[in-house]
Each structure stands twice: as C-alpha cells, then as structure tokens.
C-alpha cells in the first residue's frame, strides 16, 4: 500500500508542478503588466500636472523647471516607445521633448533675469539637458539607422539649447 501511495503522490506532483509554475508565471506577468500600466498612468498624471502648473506660473525659473520635468517625462515615454519599436509614438514624444526644452530656454533668455545673479533656471536647463543628452544617445544606440534620424535631430536641438544656456552663464 505504501509504494502505491508513493507512486500516486509522485505522479500528482509531476503533473501538477508544471501547472503550478505556469499559474505563478502568468500571475507574475499579469502583476508586472499592471505595475507597468500604473507607472505609465502615473507619469502621464505628472505630465498633465506640470502642463496645468505652467498655466498659472509666472516666474521664469519655475516655468523652466516645469518644462524640464515635462521634458524628462517625454524622454521616458520616448524610451518606452523605442524599446517596443513604436516609431510614431516615439516621434510624437520627441516633439514634446523638443518643444519643452526650447520653451524653457526661450523663457529664460527673454526673462531679463541676470544669469549671474538669478541663475536657477539657467542651471536647471543646463544640467537637465546634459543628463537628457546622455539618455537620448543611449536610446539612439539601440535603434536602426532609419529610426535613429528623428532622435539625432532632437539631440542636435538639445545640444544647441545647452550651448546657448552655457554661453549665457559663462560669457
């Protein structure tokens, strides 16, 4: 009787263990997918909050800070789109990035704030764009030549913005 019970338990374990693994794996993947969706929703909420903040904000340095936060989020979405090779979505977020960085620069350059005495906004733009340039270069390395063209154009825009801000800070 004992050998038969042992055989039954052994057969049950052999048959149920793969099912247990599959159910655990599918549950883990489902949780990972939900967490990824929640992360995207949270980033979108942050972006929406910064756009709303820009409508009421008057200080050029604070506006530049909001634009740079939007640029960071747009770059995160760009990276996600590049990973799944969704080129139209990647290009749309690159456009948001480019617009945000350009508006941050324009706002500080036309503000009349002295870059030596009131340098907060200028420094935010310079350090943010420097970090973002490295991220964009990493993204570009993962793309094929055709998909790389849009991001290389935005890298050029970001480099120009950084150079202009550096020139204002250190003239």
N, C-alpha and C. Protein backbone atom coordinates (compact mmCIF):
# COMPACT_ATOMS: atom_id res chain seq x y z
N UNK A 1 0.80 -1.18 0.00
CA UNK A 1 0.00 0.00 0.00
C UNK A 1 0.86 1.26 0.00
N UNK A 2 1.92 1.27 0.77
CA UNK A 2 2.78 2.43 0.79
C UNK A 2 3.41 2.71 -0.57
N UNK A 3 3.92 1.71 -1.29
CA UNK A 3 4.50 2.02 -2.59
C UNK A 3 3.45 2.61 -3.54
N UNK A 4 2.24 2.14 -3.47
CA UNK A 4 1.19 2.67 -4.34
C UNK A 4 0.88 4.13 -4.00
N UNK A 5 0.80 4.46 -2.71
CA UNK A 5 0.57 5.83 -2.28
C UNK A 5 1.72 6.73 -2.74
N UNK A 6 2.93 6.24 -2.60
CA UNK A 6 4.11 6.98 -3.04
C UNK A 6 4.03 7.24 -4.55
N UNK A 7 3.63 6.23 -5.32
CA UNK A 7 3.50 6.38 -6.77
C UNK A 7 2.43 7.42 -7.12
N UNK A 8 1.31 7.39 -6.43
CA UNK A 8 0.23 8.35 -6.69
C UNK A 8 0.69 9.77 -6.38
N UNK A 9 1.34 9.97 -5.24
CA UNK A 9 1.84 11.30 -4.87
C UNK A 9 2.90 11.80 -5.87
N UNK A 10 3.77 10.88 -6.26
CA UNK A 10 4.83 11.25 -7.22
C UNK A 10 4.22 11.65 -8.56
N UNK A 11 3.23 10.92 -9.04
CA UNK A 11 2.56 11.24 -10.30
C UNK A 11 1.82 12.56 -10.18
N UNK A 12 1.15 12.77 -9.07
CA UNK A 12 0.43 14.03 -8.86
C UNK A 12 1.39 15.21 -8.89
N UNK A 13 2.50 15.07 -8.20
CA UNK A 13 3.49 16.16 -8.17
C UNK A 13 4.05 16.42 -9.56
N UNK A 14 4.34 15.39 -10.33
CA UNK A 14 4.87 15.55 -11.68
C UNK A 14 3.87 16.27 -12.58
N UNK A 15 2.61 15.98 -12.43
CA UNK A 15 1.59 16.60 -13.28
C UNK A 15 1.19 18.00 -12.80
N UNK A 16 1.16 18.20 -11.51
CA UNK A 16 0.68 19.50 -11.00
C UNK A 16 1.78 20.55 -10.91
N UNK A 17 3.03 20.17 -10.79
CA UNK A 17 4.11 21.14 -10.66
C UNK A 17 4.22 22.06 -11.89
N UNK A 18 4.19 21.52 -13.11
CA UNK A 18 4.22 22.43 -14.26
C UNK A 18 3.02 23.38 -14.29
N UNK A 19 1.84 22.88 -13.90
CA UNK A 19 0.67 23.75 -13.84
C UNK A 19 0.85 24.86 -12.80
N UNK A 20 1.45 24.50 -11.68
CA UNK A 20 1.72 25.48 -10.64
C UNK A 20 2.69 26.54 -11.15
N UNK A 21 3.74 26.11 -11.84
CA UNK A 21 4.71 27.06 -12.40
C UNK A 21 4.06 27.99 -13.42
N UNK A 22 3.23 27.44 -14.28
CA UNK A 22 2.55 28.25 -15.30
C UNK A 22 1.63 29.27 -14.63
N UNK A 23 0.90 28.84 -13.61
CA UNK A 23 -0.01 29.78 -12.95
C UNK A 23 0.76 30.86 -12.21
N UNK A 24 1.87 30.52 -11.59
CA UNK A 24 2.70 31.53 -10.92
C UNK A 24 3.28 32.50 -11.94
N UNK A 25 3.80 31.96 -13.05
CA UNK A 25 4.40 32.82 -14.08
C UNK A 25 3.36 33.75 -14.69
N UNK A 26 2.18 33.23 -14.99
CA UNK A 26 1.16 34.09 -15.58
C UNK A 26 0.68 35.13 -14.58
N UNK A 27 0.59 34.76 -13.34
CA UNK A 27 0.22 35.73 -12.32
C UNK A 27 1.28 36.80 -12.15
N UNK A 28 2.55 36.41 -12.20
CA UNK A 28 3.65 37.37 -12.09
C UNK A 28 3.66 38.31 -13.29
N UNK A 29 3.43 37.75 -14.47
CA UNK A 29 3.40 38.60 -15.67
C UNK A 29 2.23 39.55 -15.62
N UNK A 30 1.11 39.09 -15.13
CA UNK A 30 -0.06 39.95 -15.01
C UNK A 30 0.18 41.09 -14.03
N UNK A 31 0.83 40.79 -12.93
CA UNK A 31 1.16 41.82 -11.95
C UNK A 31 2.17 42.79 -12.54
N UNK A 32 3.16 42.29 -13.27
CA UNK A 32 4.16 43.16 -13.89
C UNK A 32 3.50 44.08 -14.91
N UNK A 33 2.57 43.55 -15.69
CA UNK A 33 1.87 44.37 -16.68
C UNK A 33 1.04 45.44 -15.99
N UNK A 34 0.35 45.09 -14.90
CA UNK A 34 -0.43 46.07 -14.16
C UNK A 34 0.45 47.16 -13.57
N UNK A 35 1.62 46.76 -13.04
CA UNK A 35 2.54 47.75 -12.50
C UNK A 35 3.07 48.67 -13.58
N UNK A 36 3.34 48.13 -14.76
CA UNK A 36 3.83 48.96 -15.88
C UNK A 36 2.75 49.95 -16.31
N UNK A 37 1.50 49.48 -16.39
CA UNK A 37 0.40 50.37 -16.76
C UNK A 37 0.21 51.46 -15.71
N UNK A 38 0.34 51.08 -14.43
CA UNK A 38 0.19 52.05 -13.36
C UNK A 38 1.31 53.09 -13.43
N UNK A 39 2.52 52.64 -13.76
CA UNK A 39 3.66 53.54 -13.88
C UNK A 39 3.43 54.54 -15.01
N UNK A 40 2.91 54.06 -16.15
CA UNK A 40 2.64 54.94 -17.28
C UNK A 40 1.55 55.94 -16.91
N UNK A 41 0.50 55.46 -16.25
CA UNK A 41 -0.57 56.36 -15.84
C UNK A 41 -0.05 57.43 -14.87
N UNK A 42 0.82 57.04 -13.96
CA UNK A 42 1.37 57.98 -13.00
C UNK A 42 2.22 59.03 -13.71
N UNK A 43 3.03 58.59 -14.67
CA UNK A 43 3.85 59.55 -15.42
C UNK A 43 2.97 60.50 -16.23
N UNK A 44 1.90 59.99 -16.81
CA UNK A 44 1.00 60.85 -17.57
C UNK A 44 0.33 61.86 -16.65
N UNK A 45 -0.03 61.44 -15.46
CA UNK A 45 -0.63 62.35 -14.49
C UNK A 45 0.36 63.44 -14.10
N UNK A 46 1.62 63.05 -13.91
CA UNK A 46 2.65 64.05 -13.58
C UNK A 46 2.82 65.05 -14.72
N UNK A 47 2.80 64.56 -15.95
CA UNK A 47 2.94 65.45 -17.10
C UNK A 47 1.75 66.41 -17.18
N UNK A 48 0.56 65.89 -16.99
CA UNK A 48 -0.63 66.74 -17.02
C UNK A 48 -0.57 67.80 -15.91
N UNK A 49 -0.10 67.40 -14.74
CA UNK A 49 0.01 68.34 -13.62
C UNK A 49 0.99 69.48 -13.94
N UNK A 50 2.11 69.13 -14.59
CA UNK A 50 3.09 70.17 -14.95
C UNK A 50 2.54 71.11 -16.02
N UNK A 51 1.79 70.56 -16.99
CA UNK A 51 1.19 71.43 -18.01
C UNK A 51 0.21 72.40 -17.35
N UNK A 52 -0.59 71.93 -16.39
CA UNK A 52 -1.53 72.79 -15.69
C UNK A 52 -0.80 73.84 -14.86
N UNK A 53 0.29 73.43 -14.24
CA UNK A 53 1.09 74.35 -13.43
C UNK A 53 1.64 75.49 -14.29
N UNK A 54 1.99 75.19 -15.52
CA UNK A 54 2.52 76.22 -16.42
C UNK A 54 1.49 77.31 -16.73
N UNK A 55 0.22 76.96 -16.68
CA UNK A 55 -0.82 77.94 -16.99
C UNK A 55 -0.91 79.05 -15.95
N UNK A 56 -0.52 78.75 -14.72
CA UNK A 56 -0.61 79.75 -13.65
C UNK A 56 0.74 80.31 -13.23
N UNK A 57 1.80 79.62 -13.53
CA UNK A 57 3.14 80.03 -13.07
C UNK A 57 3.64 81.24 -13.85
N UNK A 58 4.19 82.21 -13.12
CA UNK A 58 4.69 83.44 -13.75
C UNK A 58 6.21 83.54 -13.69
N UNK A 59 6.82 82.96 -12.67
CA UNK A 59 8.27 83.06 -12.50
C UNK A 59 8.99 82.26 -13.59
N UNK A 60 9.89 82.88 -14.36
CA UNK A 60 10.57 82.18 -15.47
C UNK A 60 11.37 80.97 -15.02
N UNK A 61 12.01 81.04 -13.85
CA UNK A 61 12.80 79.90 -13.36
C UNK A 61 11.89 78.72 -13.01
N UNK A 62 10.75 79.00 -12.39
CA UNK A 62 9.81 77.93 -12.06
C UNK A 62 9.16 77.36 -13.31
N UNK A 63 8.91 78.21 -14.29
CA UNK A 63 8.38 77.73 -15.57
C UNK A 63 9.40 76.83 -16.25
N UNK A 64 10.67 77.22 -16.20
CA UNK A 64 11.73 76.39 -16.79
C UNK A 64 11.81 75.04 -16.08
N UNK A 65 11.63 75.07 -14.77
CA UNK A 65 11.64 73.81 -14.01
C UNK A 65 10.50 72.89 -14.47
N UNK A 66 9.31 73.45 -14.65
CA UNK A 66 8.18 72.65 -15.12
C UNK A 66 8.44 72.10 -16.52
N UNK A 67 8.96 72.95 -17.40
CA UNK A 67 9.26 72.48 -18.75
C UNK A 67 10.30 71.36 -18.73
N UNK A 68 11.27 71.45 -17.85
CA UNK A 68 12.29 70.40 -17.79
C UNK A 68 11.72 69.10 -17.21
N UNK A 69 10.76 69.20 -16.30
CA UNK A 69 10.10 67.99 -15.80
C UNK A 69 9.29 67.34 -16.92
N UNK A 70 8.61 68.16 -17.70
CA UNK A 70 7.86 67.63 -18.84
C UNK A 70 8.82 66.97 -19.83
N UNK A 71 9.96 67.59 -20.06
CA UNK A 71 10.96 67.03 -20.97
C UNK A 71 11.46 65.68 -20.46
N UNK A 72 11.69 65.57 -19.15
CA UNK A 72 12.12 64.29 -18.57
C UNK A 72 11.08 63.21 -18.80
N UNK A 73 9.82 63.55 -18.55
CA UNK A 73 8.74 62.57 -18.73
C UNK A 73 8.58 62.19 -20.20
N UNK A 74 8.68 63.18 -21.09
CA UNK A 74 8.57 62.89 -22.52
C UNK A 74 9.70 61.97 -22.96
N UNK A 75 10.87 62.17 -22.39
CA UNK A 75 12.01 61.31 -22.73
C UNK A 75 11.82 59.89 -22.20
N UNK A 76 11.19 59.75 -21.04
CA UNK A 76 10.88 58.42 -20.50
C UNK A 76 9.89 57.70 -21.42
N UNK A 77 8.87 58.43 -21.89
CA UNK A 77 7.92 57.84 -22.83
C UNK A 77 8.60 57.51 -24.16
N UNK A 78 9.53 58.35 -24.58
CA UNK A 78 10.29 58.09 -25.81
C UNK A 78 11.07 56.79 -25.68
N UNK A 79 11.71 56.61 -24.55
CA UNK A 79 12.48 55.39 -24.30
C UNK A 79 11.59 54.16 -24.34
N UNK A 80 10.41 54.25 -23.72
CA UNK A 80 9.47 53.13 -23.75
C UNK A 80 9.04 52.81 -25.18
N UNK A 81 8.75 53.84 -25.96
CA UNK A 81 8.32 53.63 -27.35
C UNK A 81 9.46 53.04 -28.18
N UNK A 82 10.68 53.47 -27.93
CA UNK A 82 11.83 52.94 -28.68
C UNK A 82 12.05 51.46 -28.36
N UNK A 83 11.81 51.07 -27.12
CA UNK A 83 12.01 49.68 -26.72
C UNK A 83 11.07 48.73 -27.46
N UNK A 84 9.86 49.20 -27.76
CA UNK A 84 8.89 48.36 -28.47
C UNK A 84 8.83 48.71 -29.95
N UNK A 85 9.74 49.56 -30.38
CA UNK A 85 9.87 49.96 -31.79
C UNK A 85 8.60 50.62 -32.32
N UNK A 86 7.98 51.45 -31.50
CA UNK A 86 6.79 52.21 -31.89
C UNK A 86 7.26 53.60 -32.33
N UNK A 87 7.66 53.70 -33.59
CA UNK A 87 8.29 54.92 -34.10
C UNK A 87 7.36 56.14 -34.11
N UNK A 88 6.09 56.01 -34.51
CA UNK A 88 5.22 57.19 -34.48
C UNK A 88 5.06 57.77 -33.06
N UNK A 89 4.89 56.90 -32.09
CA UNK A 89 4.76 57.36 -30.71
C UNK A 89 6.07 57.97 -30.22
N UNK A 90 7.19 57.36 -30.60
CA UNK A 90 8.50 57.89 -30.22
C UNK A 90 8.68 59.30 -30.78
N UNK A 91 8.32 59.48 -32.05
CA UNK A 91 8.48 60.79 -32.68
C UNK A 91 7.57 61.84 -32.04
N UNK A 92 6.37 61.45 -31.64
CA UNK A 92 5.47 62.42 -31.01
C UNK A 92 6.02 62.87 -29.66
N UNK A 93 6.58 61.95 -28.89
CA UNK A 93 7.16 62.33 -27.61
C UNK A 93 8.46 63.11 -27.80
N UNK A 94 9.19 62.82 -28.85
CA UNK A 94 10.38 63.63 -29.14
C UNK A 94 9.98 65.07 -29.46
N UNK A 95 8.85 65.24 -30.14
CA UNK A 95 8.37 66.59 -30.44
C UNK A 95 7.99 67.32 -29.14
N UNK A 96 7.36 66.62 -28.21
CA UNK A 96 7.02 67.22 -26.92
C UNK A 96 8.30 67.60 -26.18
N UNK A 97 9.28 66.70 -26.23
CA UNK A 97 10.57 66.98 -25.58
C UNK A 97 11.21 68.24 -26.17
N UNK A 98 11.30 68.28 -27.47
CA UNK A 98 11.95 69.39 -28.16
C UNK A 98 11.24 70.72 -27.85
N UNK A 99 9.91 70.69 -27.87
CA UNK A 99 9.13 71.89 -27.57
C UNK A 99 9.37 72.34 -26.14
N UNK A 100 9.40 71.42 -25.20
CA UNK A 100 9.58 71.76 -23.79
C UNK A 100 10.94 72.38 -23.52
N UNK A 101 11.98 71.78 -24.07
CA UNK A 101 13.33 72.30 -23.85
C UNK A 101 13.48 73.67 -24.51
N UNK A 102 12.93 73.82 -25.70
CA UNK A 102 13.02 75.10 -26.40
C UNK A 102 12.27 76.20 -25.65
N UNK A 103 11.09 75.88 -25.14
CA UNK A 103 10.31 76.87 -24.39
C UNK A 103 10.99 77.23 -23.07
N UNK A 104 11.63 76.26 -22.44
CA UNK A 104 12.36 76.55 -21.20
C UNK A 104 13.50 77.53 -21.50
N UNK A 105 14.24 77.25 -22.57
CA UNK A 105 15.33 78.14 -22.97
C UNK A 105 14.81 79.52 -23.34
N UNK A 106 13.77 79.58 -24.18
CA UNK A 106 13.21 80.85 -24.61
C UNK A 106 12.72 81.68 -23.41
N UNK A 107 12.07 81.01 -22.48
CA UNK A 107 11.56 81.71 -21.31
C UNK A 107 12.66 82.33 -20.48
N UNK A 108 13.75 81.61 -20.31
CA UNK A 108 14.86 82.16 -19.52
C UNK A 108 15.61 83.25 -20.28
N UNK A 109 15.81 83.06 -21.56
CA UNK A 109 16.58 84.03 -22.35
C UNK A 109 15.83 85.36 -22.49
N UNK A 110 14.51 85.30 -22.55
CA UNK A 110 13.73 86.53 -22.72
C UNK A 110 13.23 87.10 -21.38
N UNK A 111 13.58 86.45 -20.29
CA UNK A 111 13.07 86.88 -18.98
C UNK A 111 13.72 88.16 -18.47
N UNK A 112 14.91 88.44 -18.94
CA UNK A 112 15.64 89.60 -18.42
C UNK A 112 16.36 89.30 -17.12
N UNK A 113 16.29 88.06 -16.65
CA UNK A 113 16.99 87.69 -15.42
C UNK A 113 18.48 87.57 -15.71
N UNK A 114 19.28 88.11 -14.80
CA UNK A 114 20.73 88.06 -14.95
C UNK A 114 21.21 86.63 -14.65
N UNK A 115 21.88 85.98 -15.61
CA UNK A 115 22.35 84.61 -15.39
C UNK A 115 23.34 84.48 -14.23
N UNK A 116 23.99 85.59 -13.85
CA UNK A 116 24.95 85.53 -12.74
C UNK A 116 24.26 85.62 -11.39
N UNK A 117 23.25 86.49 -11.29
CA UNK A 117 22.58 86.71 -10.01
C UNK A 117 21.39 85.78 -9.80
N UNK A 118 20.65 85.50 -10.85
CA UNK A 118 19.45 84.65 -10.77
C UNK A 118 19.64 83.47 -11.73
N UNK A 119 20.51 82.56 -11.37
CA UNK A 119 20.92 81.51 -12.30
C UNK A 119 20.13 80.21 -12.17
N UNK A 120 19.16 80.14 -11.26
CA UNK A 120 18.44 78.88 -11.00
C UNK A 120 17.89 78.25 -12.28
N UNK A 121 17.12 79.00 -13.05
CA UNK A 121 16.51 78.46 -14.26
C UNK A 121 17.53 78.04 -15.29
N UNK A 122 18.58 78.84 -15.45
CA UNK A 122 19.63 78.53 -16.41
C UNK A 122 20.34 77.23 -16.02
N UNK A 123 20.63 77.09 -14.73
CA UNK A 123 21.32 75.88 -14.27
C UNK A 123 20.43 74.64 -14.41
N UNK A 124 19.13 74.80 -14.11
CA UNK A 124 18.20 73.68 -14.29
C UNK A 124 18.19 73.18 -15.73
N UNK A 125 18.16 74.13 -16.65
CA UNK A 125 18.13 73.75 -18.07
C UNK A 125 19.43 73.06 -18.45
N UNK A 126 20.56 73.65 -18.06
CA UNK A 126 21.86 73.09 -18.46
C UNK A 126 22.06 71.69 -17.91
N UNK A 127 21.83 71.51 -16.61
CA UNK A 127 22.05 70.18 -16.02
C UNK A 127 21.04 69.17 -16.55
N UNK A 128 19.78 69.60 -16.72
CA UNK A 128 18.76 68.69 -17.24
C UNK A 128 19.06 68.25 -18.65
N UNK A 129 19.41 69.19 -19.51
CA UNK A 129 19.68 68.84 -20.90
C UNK A 129 20.94 67.97 -21.00
N UNK A 130 21.94 68.24 -20.17
CA UNK A 130 23.16 67.42 -20.19
C UNK A 130 22.82 65.96 -19.87
N UNK A 131 22.01 65.75 -18.85
CA UNK A 131 21.59 64.40 -18.47
C UNK A 131 20.74 63.77 -19.59
N UNK A 132 19.84 64.55 -20.14
CA UNK A 132 18.94 64.06 -21.18
C UNK A 132 19.68 63.72 -22.47
N UNK A 133 20.73 64.45 -22.77
CA UNK A 133 21.53 64.14 -23.97
C UNK A 133 22.13 62.74 -23.86
N UNK A 134 22.64 62.41 -22.68
CA UNK A 134 23.20 61.06 -22.48
C UNK A 134 22.12 59.99 -22.67
N UNK A 135 20.93 60.25 -22.13
CA UNK A 135 19.83 59.29 -22.27
C UNK A 135 19.46 59.12 -23.74
N UNK A 136 19.35 60.25 -24.46
CA UNK A 136 18.98 60.16 -25.89
C UNK A 136 20.05 59.43 -26.70
N UNK A 137 21.31 59.64 -26.36
CA UNK A 137 22.38 58.92 -27.07
C UNK A 137 22.28 57.43 -26.81
N UNK A 138 21.94 57.05 -25.58
CA UNK A 138 21.74 55.63 -25.27
C UNK A 138 20.56 55.06 -26.05
N UNK A 139 19.48 55.82 -26.13
CA UNK A 139 18.32 55.36 -26.89
C UNK A 139 18.69 55.21 -28.37
N UNK A 140 19.41 56.18 -28.91
CA UNK A 140 19.78 56.16 -30.33
C UNK A 140 20.63 54.93 -30.66
N UNK A 141 21.47 54.52 -29.74
CA UNK A 141 22.33 53.34 -29.99
C UNK A 141 21.51 52.06 -30.17
N UNK A 142 20.32 52.02 -29.59
CA UNK A 142 19.51 50.80 -29.68
C UNK A 142 18.67 50.75 -30.96
N UNK A 143 18.61 51.86 -31.70
CA UNK A 143 17.74 51.94 -32.87
C UNK A 143 18.51 51.68 -34.15
N UNK A 144 17.79 51.25 -35.20
CA UNK A 144 18.43 51.11 -36.50
C UNK A 144 18.60 52.49 -37.13
N UNK A 145 19.29 52.55 -38.25
CA UNK A 145 19.63 53.85 -38.85
C UNK A 145 18.41 54.69 -39.20
N UNK A 146 17.40 54.07 -39.75
CA UNK A 146 16.20 54.81 -40.15
C UNK A 146 15.47 55.38 -38.93
N UNK A 147 15.36 54.59 -37.89
CA UNK A 147 14.64 55.03 -36.69
C UNK A 147 15.47 56.02 -35.88
N UNK A 148 16.76 56.06 -36.12
CA UNK A 148 17.66 56.92 -35.37
C UNK A 148 17.59 58.38 -35.82
N UNK A 149 17.16 58.64 -37.05
CA UNK A 149 17.17 60.01 -37.60
C UNK A 149 16.38 61.00 -36.75
N UNK A 150 15.15 60.70 -36.35
CA UNK A 150 14.40 61.69 -35.55
C UNK A 150 15.10 62.03 -34.23
N UNK A 151 15.64 61.03 -33.57
CA UNK A 151 16.26 61.30 -32.28
C UNK A 151 17.57 62.06 -32.46
N UNK A 152 18.27 61.82 -33.55
CA UNK A 152 19.51 62.57 -33.80
C UNK A 152 19.20 64.05 -34.05
N UNK A 153 18.08 64.34 -34.72
CA UNK A 153 17.67 65.73 -34.90
C UNK A 153 17.38 66.41 -33.57
N UNK A 154 16.72 65.70 -32.68
CA UNK A 154 16.39 66.26 -31.37
C UNK A 154 17.65 66.40 -30.52
N UNK A 155 18.61 65.49 -30.68
CA UNK A 155 19.89 65.62 -29.99
C UNK A 155 20.58 66.92 -30.42
N UNK A 156 20.48 67.23 -31.71
CA UNK A 156 21.05 68.49 -32.21
C UNK A 156 20.38 69.71 -31.59
N UNK A 157 19.06 69.68 -31.48
CA UNK A 157 18.31 70.79 -30.87
C UNK A 157 18.72 70.94 -29.40
N UNK A 158 18.77 69.82 -28.68
CA UNK A 158 19.12 69.86 -27.26
C UNK A 158 20.55 70.36 -27.06
N UNK A 159 21.47 69.94 -27.92
CA UNK A 159 22.85 70.41 -27.82
C UNK A 159 22.93 71.91 -28.04
N UNK A 160 22.17 72.41 -29.00
CA UNK A 160 22.15 73.85 -29.28
C UNK A 160 21.58 74.61 -28.08
N UNK A 161 20.51 74.12 -27.49
CA UNK A 161 19.93 74.75 -26.31
C UNK A 161 20.95 74.79 -25.18
N UNK A 162 21.62 73.69 -24.95
CA UNK A 162 22.62 73.63 -23.87
C UNK A 162 23.75 74.61 -24.14
N UNK A 163 24.22 74.67 -25.37
CA UNK A 163 25.30 75.61 -25.71
C UNK A 163 24.87 77.06 -25.46
N UNK A 164 23.64 77.40 -25.83
CA UNK A 164 23.15 78.76 -25.63
C UNK A 164 23.05 79.11 -24.14
N UNK A 165 22.59 78.17 -23.35
CA UNK A 165 22.47 78.41 -21.92
C UNK A 165 23.86 78.52 -21.29
N UNK A 166 24.78 77.67 -21.70
CA UNK A 166 26.15 77.76 -21.18
C UNK A 166 26.78 79.10 -21.56
N UNK A 167 26.54 79.54 -22.77
CA UNK A 167 27.07 80.82 -23.21
C UNK A 167 26.51 81.97 -22.35
N UNK A 168 25.23 81.91 -22.03
CA UNK A 168 24.63 82.93 -21.18
C UNK A 168 25.21 82.90 -19.76
N UNK A 169 25.47 81.69 -19.26
CA UNK A 169 26.00 81.56 -17.90
C UNK A 169 27.46 82.00 -17.80
N UNK A 170 28.24 81.76 -18.83
CA UNK A 170 29.69 81.96 -18.71
C UNK A 170 30.25 82.97 -19.70
N UNK A 171 29.48 83.97 -20.07
CA UNK A 171 30.03 84.97 -21.01
C UNK A 171 30.81 86.01 -20.27
